[in-house]
N, C-alpha and C. Protein backbone atom coordinates (compact mmCIF):
# COMPACT_ATOMS: atom_id res chain seq x y z
N UNK A 1 -9.64 22.44 -155.87
CA UNK A 1 -9.07 21.15 -155.63
C UNK A 1 -8.31 20.77 -156.91
N UNK A 2 -7.09 20.24 -156.71
CA UNK A 2 -6.28 19.71 -157.82
C UNK A 2 -6.29 18.18 -157.69
N UNK A 3 -6.48 17.47 -158.78
CA UNK A 3 -6.49 15.99 -158.76
C UNK A 3 -5.89 15.54 -160.06
N UNK A 4 -5.06 14.47 -159.96
CA UNK A 4 -4.51 13.91 -161.16
C UNK A 4 -5.58 13.15 -161.98
N UNK A 5 -5.32 12.99 -163.27
CA UNK A 5 -6.28 12.23 -164.05
C UNK A 5 -6.32 10.80 -163.62
N UNK A 6 -5.22 10.27 -163.14
CA UNK A 6 -5.23 8.90 -162.60
C UNK A 6 -6.17 8.75 -161.43
N UNK A 7 -6.12 9.72 -160.48
CA UNK A 7 -7.04 9.69 -159.30
C UNK A 7 -8.46 9.95 -159.72
N UNK A 8 -8.63 10.83 -160.68
CA UNK A 8 -9.99 11.13 -161.17
C UNK A 8 -10.60 9.94 -161.79
N UNK A 9 -9.87 9.19 -162.58
CA UNK A 9 -10.34 7.96 -163.20
C UNK A 9 -10.75 6.94 -162.13
N UNK A 10 -9.91 6.84 -161.10
CA UNK A 10 -10.22 5.96 -159.96
C UNK A 10 -11.54 6.27 -159.27
N UNK A 11 -11.89 7.59 -159.32
CA UNK A 11 -13.16 8.04 -158.62
C UNK A 11 -14.38 7.89 -159.53
N UNK A 12 -14.19 7.54 -160.77
CA UNK A 12 -15.31 7.60 -161.74
C UNK A 12 -16.47 6.72 -161.31
N UNK A 13 -16.28 5.49 -160.89
CA UNK A 13 -17.41 4.65 -160.62
C UNK A 13 -18.17 5.06 -159.33
N UNK A 14 -17.35 5.50 -158.34
CA UNK A 14 -17.97 6.01 -157.09
C UNK A 14 -18.80 7.26 -157.33
N UNK A 15 -18.24 8.18 -158.15
CA UNK A 15 -18.99 9.36 -158.45
C UNK A 15 -20.31 9.06 -159.21
N UNK A 16 -20.21 8.10 -160.05
CA UNK A 16 -21.45 7.67 -160.80
C UNK A 16 -22.51 7.14 -159.83
N UNK A 17 -22.04 6.38 -158.77
CA UNK A 17 -22.98 5.87 -157.78
C UNK A 17 -23.57 6.99 -156.94
N UNK A 18 -22.79 8.01 -156.62
CA UNK A 18 -23.30 9.08 -155.82
C UNK A 18 -24.37 9.88 -156.59
N UNK A 19 -24.27 9.90 -157.87
CA UNK A 19 -25.29 10.61 -158.68
C UNK A 19 -26.69 10.06 -158.47
N UNK A 20 -26.78 8.79 -158.03
CA UNK A 20 -28.14 8.22 -157.83
C UNK A 20 -28.65 8.49 -156.40
N UNK A 21 -27.81 9.05 -155.55
CA UNK A 21 -28.21 9.29 -154.15
C UNK A 21 -29.12 10.48 -154.06
N UNK A 22 -30.01 10.37 -153.09
CA UNK A 22 -30.87 11.54 -152.74
C UNK A 22 -30.07 12.45 -151.84
N UNK A 23 -29.62 13.59 -152.36
CA UNK A 23 -28.77 14.46 -151.63
C UNK A 23 -29.54 15.81 -151.41
N UNK A 24 -29.13 16.54 -150.37
CA UNK A 24 -29.67 17.88 -150.22
C UNK A 24 -29.43 18.68 -151.48
N UNK A 25 -30.26 19.65 -151.76
CA UNK A 25 -30.24 20.42 -153.02
C UNK A 25 -28.89 21.09 -153.20
N UNK A 26 -28.32 21.69 -152.13
CA UNK A 26 -27.07 22.39 -152.21
C UNK A 26 -25.97 21.41 -152.61
N UNK A 27 -25.94 20.24 -152.03
CA UNK A 27 -24.90 19.19 -152.32
C UNK A 27 -25.06 18.75 -153.78
N UNK A 28 -26.26 18.55 -154.26
CA UNK A 28 -26.56 18.14 -155.59
C UNK A 28 -26.04 19.20 -156.56
N UNK A 29 -26.29 20.46 -156.28
CA UNK A 29 -25.87 21.58 -157.10
C UNK A 29 -24.32 21.59 -157.19
N UNK A 30 -23.62 21.44 -156.07
CA UNK A 30 -22.20 21.47 -156.05
C UNK A 30 -21.59 20.31 -156.84
N UNK A 31 -22.25 19.15 -156.68
CA UNK A 31 -21.75 17.98 -157.35
C UNK A 31 -21.96 18.01 -158.87
N UNK A 32 -23.10 18.58 -159.29
CA UNK A 32 -23.36 18.64 -160.73
C UNK A 32 -22.35 19.52 -161.47
N UNK A 33 -22.00 20.65 -160.81
CA UNK A 33 -20.94 21.51 -161.42
C UNK A 33 -19.58 20.83 -161.52
N UNK A 34 -19.25 20.08 -160.55
CA UNK A 34 -18.01 19.32 -160.50
C UNK A 34 -18.04 18.21 -161.54
N UNK A 35 -19.18 17.54 -161.63
CA UNK A 35 -19.24 16.42 -162.61
C UNK A 35 -19.09 16.84 -164.04
N UNK A 36 -19.43 18.05 -164.33
CA UNK A 36 -19.25 18.52 -165.70
C UNK A 36 -17.74 18.58 -166.02
N UNK A 37 -16.94 19.08 -165.11
CA UNK A 37 -15.50 19.14 -165.22
C UNK A 37 -14.93 17.73 -165.29
N UNK A 38 -15.42 16.87 -164.39
CA UNK A 38 -14.94 15.47 -164.38
C UNK A 38 -15.23 14.73 -165.68
N UNK A 39 -16.47 14.86 -166.13
CA UNK A 39 -16.77 14.17 -167.46
C UNK A 39 -15.93 14.65 -168.59
N UNK A 40 -15.80 15.99 -168.72
CA UNK A 40 -15.02 16.48 -169.81
C UNK A 40 -13.53 16.06 -169.69
N UNK A 41 -13.00 16.06 -168.54
CA UNK A 41 -11.61 15.59 -168.34
C UNK A 41 -11.48 14.18 -168.66
N UNK A 42 -12.38 13.29 -168.23
CA UNK A 42 -12.28 11.85 -168.54
C UNK A 42 -12.56 11.55 -169.96
N UNK A 43 -13.41 12.33 -170.64
CA UNK A 43 -13.60 12.16 -172.06
C UNK A 43 -12.36 12.47 -172.83
N UNK A 44 -11.67 13.58 -172.45
CA UNK A 44 -10.41 13.92 -173.12
C UNK A 44 -9.28 12.87 -172.86
N UNK A 45 -9.31 12.37 -171.63
CA UNK A 45 -8.33 11.27 -171.29
C UNK A 45 -8.58 10.05 -172.17
N UNK A 46 -9.84 9.68 -172.36
CA UNK A 46 -10.16 8.49 -173.21
C UNK A 46 -9.75 8.74 -174.64
N UNK A 47 -9.96 9.99 -175.14
CA UNK A 47 -9.54 10.29 -176.53
C UNK A 47 -8.03 10.13 -176.68
N UNK A 48 -7.26 10.66 -175.74
CA UNK A 48 -5.79 10.55 -175.74
C UNK A 48 -5.38 9.11 -175.65
N UNK A 49 -6.01 8.32 -174.78
CA UNK A 49 -5.66 6.89 -174.63
C UNK A 49 -5.86 6.14 -175.91
N UNK A 50 -6.97 6.47 -176.62
CA UNK A 50 -7.25 5.81 -177.89
C UNK A 50 -6.18 6.20 -178.95
N UNK A 51 -5.82 7.46 -178.95
CA UNK A 51 -4.75 7.93 -179.87
C UNK A 51 -3.44 7.18 -179.60
N UNK A 52 -3.15 6.99 -178.33
CA UNK A 52 -1.89 6.29 -177.95
C UNK A 52 -1.96 4.82 -178.40
N UNK A 53 -3.14 4.21 -178.27
CA UNK A 53 -3.29 2.82 -178.68
C UNK A 53 -3.06 2.70 -180.18
N UNK A 54 -3.58 3.65 -180.93
CA UNK A 54 -3.36 3.63 -182.35
C UNK A 54 -1.92 3.87 -182.68
N UNK A 55 -1.27 4.84 -181.97
CA UNK A 55 0.12 5.19 -182.22
C UNK A 55 1.07 4.02 -181.93
N UNK A 56 0.85 3.30 -180.83
CA UNK A 56 1.73 2.25 -180.40
C UNK A 56 1.27 0.83 -180.69
N UNK A 57 0.04 0.70 -181.08
CA UNK A 57 -0.60 -0.60 -181.16
C UNK A 57 -0.54 -1.20 -182.52
N UNK A 58 -1.18 -2.32 -182.62
CA UNK A 58 -1.32 -3.09 -183.87
C UNK A 58 -2.77 -3.23 -184.15
N UNK A 59 -3.11 -3.11 -185.44
CA UNK A 59 -4.53 -3.26 -185.83
C UNK A 59 -4.81 -4.70 -186.23
N UNK A 60 -5.90 -5.23 -185.61
CA UNK A 60 -6.38 -6.56 -185.95
C UNK A 60 -7.15 -6.42 -187.28
N UNK A 61 -6.62 -7.07 -188.34
CA UNK A 61 -7.25 -6.94 -189.66
C UNK A 61 -8.69 -7.44 -189.68
N UNK A 62 -9.05 -8.43 -188.95
CA UNK A 62 -10.38 -8.97 -189.02
C UNK A 62 -11.36 -8.13 -188.26
N UNK A 63 -10.98 -7.49 -187.18
CA UNK A 63 -11.92 -6.71 -186.35
C UNK A 63 -11.70 -5.22 -186.56
N UNK A 64 -10.56 -4.81 -187.02
CA UNK A 64 -10.27 -3.36 -187.15
C UNK A 64 -9.95 -2.72 -185.80
N UNK A 65 -9.80 -3.47 -184.77
CA UNK A 65 -9.53 -2.95 -183.41
C UNK A 65 -8.01 -2.89 -183.21
N UNK A 66 -7.58 -1.77 -182.62
CA UNK A 66 -6.13 -1.64 -182.23
C UNK A 66 -5.94 -2.09 -180.82
N UNK A 67 -4.85 -2.75 -180.57
CA UNK A 67 -4.39 -3.10 -179.20
C UNK A 67 -2.94 -2.96 -179.16
N UNK A 68 -2.40 -2.78 -177.94
CA UNK A 68 -1.00 -2.73 -177.71
C UNK A 68 -0.63 -3.95 -176.94
N UNK A 69 -0.15 -5.01 -177.64
CA UNK A 69 0.25 -6.28 -176.94
C UNK A 69 1.44 -6.01 -176.01
N UNK A 70 1.43 -6.67 -174.88
CA UNK A 70 2.52 -6.51 -173.91
C UNK A 70 3.86 -6.94 -174.49
N UNK A 71 3.88 -7.81 -175.45
CA UNK A 71 5.13 -8.23 -176.02
C UNK A 71 5.58 -7.37 -177.14
N UNK A 72 4.80 -6.34 -177.46
CA UNK A 72 5.15 -5.34 -178.46
C UNK A 72 6.33 -4.52 -177.96
N UNK A 73 7.28 -4.27 -178.85
CA UNK A 73 8.49 -3.46 -178.46
C UNK A 73 8.11 -2.05 -178.03
N UNK A 74 6.88 -1.62 -178.41
CA UNK A 74 6.43 -0.22 -178.10
C UNK A 74 5.66 -0.20 -176.80
N UNK A 75 5.45 -1.32 -176.10
CA UNK A 75 4.67 -1.43 -174.86
C UNK A 75 5.15 -0.39 -173.81
N UNK A 76 6.47 -0.41 -173.59
CA UNK A 76 7.02 0.49 -172.53
C UNK A 76 6.83 1.94 -172.91
N UNK A 77 6.98 2.31 -174.19
CA UNK A 77 6.73 3.67 -174.62
C UNK A 77 5.30 4.01 -174.42
N UNK A 78 4.36 3.10 -174.75
CA UNK A 78 2.93 3.37 -174.54
C UNK A 78 2.67 3.62 -173.05
N UNK A 79 3.18 2.78 -172.16
CA UNK A 79 2.94 2.93 -170.70
C UNK A 79 3.51 4.26 -170.24
N UNK A 80 4.73 4.58 -170.71
CA UNK A 80 5.37 5.85 -170.28
C UNK A 80 4.51 7.05 -170.66
N UNK A 81 4.06 7.07 -171.92
CA UNK A 81 3.36 8.20 -172.42
C UNK A 81 1.96 8.27 -171.76
N UNK A 82 1.29 7.14 -171.55
CA UNK A 82 0.02 7.11 -170.87
C UNK A 82 0.19 7.54 -169.39
N UNK A 83 1.28 7.08 -168.79
CA UNK A 83 1.57 7.50 -167.42
C UNK A 83 1.77 9.03 -167.28
N UNK A 84 2.39 9.56 -168.26
CA UNK A 84 2.66 11.05 -168.27
C UNK A 84 1.29 11.76 -168.29
N UNK A 85 0.43 11.27 -169.17
CA UNK A 85 -0.96 11.89 -169.28
C UNK A 85 -1.71 11.74 -167.97
N UNK A 86 -1.68 10.49 -167.35
CA UNK A 86 -2.39 10.26 -166.15
C UNK A 86 -1.91 11.08 -164.98
N UNK A 87 -0.63 11.53 -165.08
CA UNK A 87 -0.08 12.35 -163.97
C UNK A 87 -0.46 13.80 -164.07
N UNK A 88 -1.10 14.24 -165.19
CA UNK A 88 -1.57 15.56 -165.39
C UNK A 88 -2.65 15.93 -164.35
N UNK A 89 -2.63 17.12 -163.85
CA UNK A 89 -3.60 17.51 -162.83
C UNK A 89 -4.76 18.36 -163.49
N UNK A 90 -5.93 18.07 -162.92
CA UNK A 90 -7.14 18.84 -163.29
C UNK A 90 -7.47 19.70 -162.11
N UNK A 91 -7.83 20.94 -162.34
CA UNK A 91 -8.28 21.89 -161.25
C UNK A 91 -9.76 21.95 -161.26
N UNK A 92 -10.37 21.69 -160.09
CA UNK A 92 -11.77 21.84 -159.93
C UNK A 92 -11.93 23.01 -158.96
N UNK A 93 -12.22 24.16 -159.47
CA UNK A 93 -12.30 25.36 -158.69
C UNK A 93 -13.46 25.33 -157.66
N UNK A 94 -13.13 25.78 -156.45
CA UNK A 94 -14.13 26.00 -155.47
C UNK A 94 -14.96 24.80 -154.99
N UNK A 95 -14.52 23.60 -155.30
CA UNK A 95 -15.29 22.40 -154.88
C UNK A 95 -15.17 22.18 -153.41
N UNK A 96 -16.22 21.97 -152.73
CA UNK A 96 -16.30 21.65 -151.31
C UNK A 96 -16.72 20.17 -151.19
N UNK A 97 -15.89 19.33 -150.62
CA UNK A 97 -16.24 17.92 -150.47
C UNK A 97 -17.57 17.75 -149.82
N UNK A 98 -18.32 16.71 -150.21
CA UNK A 98 -19.62 16.36 -149.60
C UNK A 98 -19.40 15.56 -148.32
N UNK A 99 -20.31 15.77 -147.39
CA UNK A 99 -20.26 14.99 -146.14
C UNK A 99 -20.81 13.57 -146.49
N UNK A 100 -20.04 12.60 -146.18
CA UNK A 100 -20.41 11.16 -146.50
C UNK A 100 -21.76 10.84 -145.82
N UNK A 101 -22.11 11.46 -144.72
CA UNK A 101 -23.35 11.19 -144.03
C UNK A 101 -24.59 11.63 -144.80
N UNK A 102 -24.37 12.48 -145.84
CA UNK A 102 -25.49 12.95 -146.67
C UNK A 102 -25.91 11.85 -147.68
N UNK A 103 -25.11 10.83 -147.82
CA UNK A 103 -25.40 9.82 -148.81
C UNK A 103 -26.50 8.89 -148.32
N UNK A 104 -26.92 8.97 -147.05
CA UNK A 104 -28.06 8.16 -146.57
C UNK A 104 -27.93 6.69 -146.80
N UNK A 105 -28.89 6.12 -147.47
CA UNK A 105 -28.89 4.63 -147.66
C UNK A 105 -28.27 4.22 -148.98
N UNK A 106 -27.55 5.14 -149.59
CA UNK A 106 -26.85 4.78 -150.84
C UNK A 106 -25.83 3.69 -150.61
N UNK A 107 -25.88 2.70 -151.39
CA UNK A 107 -24.88 1.59 -151.27
C UNK A 107 -23.74 1.87 -152.22
N UNK A 108 -22.57 1.73 -151.68
CA UNK A 108 -21.32 1.98 -152.47
C UNK A 108 -20.28 1.02 -151.89
N UNK A 109 -19.57 0.35 -152.81
CA UNK A 109 -18.56 -0.61 -152.29
C UNK A 109 -17.36 0.11 -151.78
N UNK A 110 -16.59 -0.59 -151.06
CA UNK A 110 -15.33 -0.07 -150.42
C UNK A 110 -14.44 0.33 -151.61
N UNK A 111 -14.36 -0.42 -152.65
CA UNK A 111 -13.48 -0.12 -153.80
C UNK A 111 -13.88 1.17 -154.41
N UNK A 112 -15.20 1.44 -154.51
CA UNK A 112 -15.72 2.65 -155.11
C UNK A 112 -15.56 3.86 -154.16
N UNK A 113 -15.68 3.60 -152.85
CA UNK A 113 -15.65 4.67 -151.84
C UNK A 113 -14.22 5.18 -151.56
N UNK A 114 -13.25 4.24 -151.52
CA UNK A 114 -11.87 4.60 -151.09
C UNK A 114 -11.29 5.75 -151.82
N UNK A 115 -11.33 5.79 -153.17
CA UNK A 115 -10.72 6.90 -153.89
C UNK A 115 -11.40 8.24 -153.71
N UNK A 116 -12.68 8.19 -153.29
CA UNK A 116 -13.44 9.41 -153.08
C UNK A 116 -13.12 10.14 -151.79
N UNK A 117 -12.72 9.33 -150.77
CA UNK A 117 -12.49 9.89 -149.45
C UNK A 117 -11.37 10.90 -149.44
N UNK A 118 -11.62 12.04 -148.84
CA UNK A 118 -10.63 13.08 -148.78
C UNK A 118 -10.60 14.01 -149.99
N UNK A 119 -11.20 13.52 -151.09
CA UNK A 119 -11.22 14.34 -152.33
C UNK A 119 -12.63 14.87 -152.53
N UNK A 120 -13.58 13.91 -152.71
CA UNK A 120 -14.95 14.26 -152.97
C UNK A 120 -15.85 14.13 -151.78
N UNK A 121 -15.41 13.25 -150.83
CA UNK A 121 -16.21 12.98 -149.66
C UNK A 121 -15.43 13.15 -148.41
N UNK A 122 -16.02 13.65 -147.39
CA UNK A 122 -15.40 13.76 -146.04
C UNK A 122 -16.41 13.22 -145.01
N UNK A 123 -15.89 12.80 -143.95
CA UNK A 123 -16.78 12.40 -142.81
C UNK A 123 -16.73 13.47 -141.76
N UNK A 124 -17.74 14.33 -141.79
CA UNK A 124 -17.78 15.48 -140.87
C UNK A 124 -18.15 15.12 -139.47
N UNK A 125 -18.58 13.83 -139.27
CA UNK A 125 -18.93 13.41 -137.88
C UNK A 125 -17.64 12.99 -137.09
N UNK A 126 -16.52 12.85 -137.82
CA UNK A 126 -15.28 12.48 -137.10
C UNK A 126 -14.60 13.74 -136.67
N UNK A 127 -14.14 13.74 -135.43
CA UNK A 127 -13.42 14.95 -134.92
C UNK A 127 -12.07 15.03 -135.73
N UNK A 128 -11.71 16.32 -136.00
CA UNK A 128 -10.41 16.59 -136.69
C UNK A 128 -9.30 16.53 -135.64
N UNK A 129 -8.21 15.80 -135.91
CA UNK A 129 -7.11 15.73 -135.04
C UNK A 129 -6.43 17.08 -135.02
N UNK A 130 -5.95 17.45 -133.80
CA UNK A 130 -5.23 18.78 -133.77
C UNK A 130 -3.74 18.61 -133.60
């Protein structure tokens, strides 16, 4: 499976929720291998984002925190470069999406669920259109 960093970031909260679900052992095994790749990719994304904030941002002298104000002349450059990074694809070899019906009584919001559908979760009870 190939997925952009933007889409992977959107899946982060939902994947974290699924980790708490009681899943069949095979599904848990598949998910754990995938989560290792997801975590490493999102950690690298966060490192690059922080570097971009330092590169294009301004340091608050009292807190030492960098921010990129929207009125900063470098705002558009920051967004462009961050967008380029978010468009990068991550390959998750051999991942087979989990059946949503395996989540049992796990509660997950629509906002958390939507980015997962078709990528990490499928509904195997629905007939496939021909």
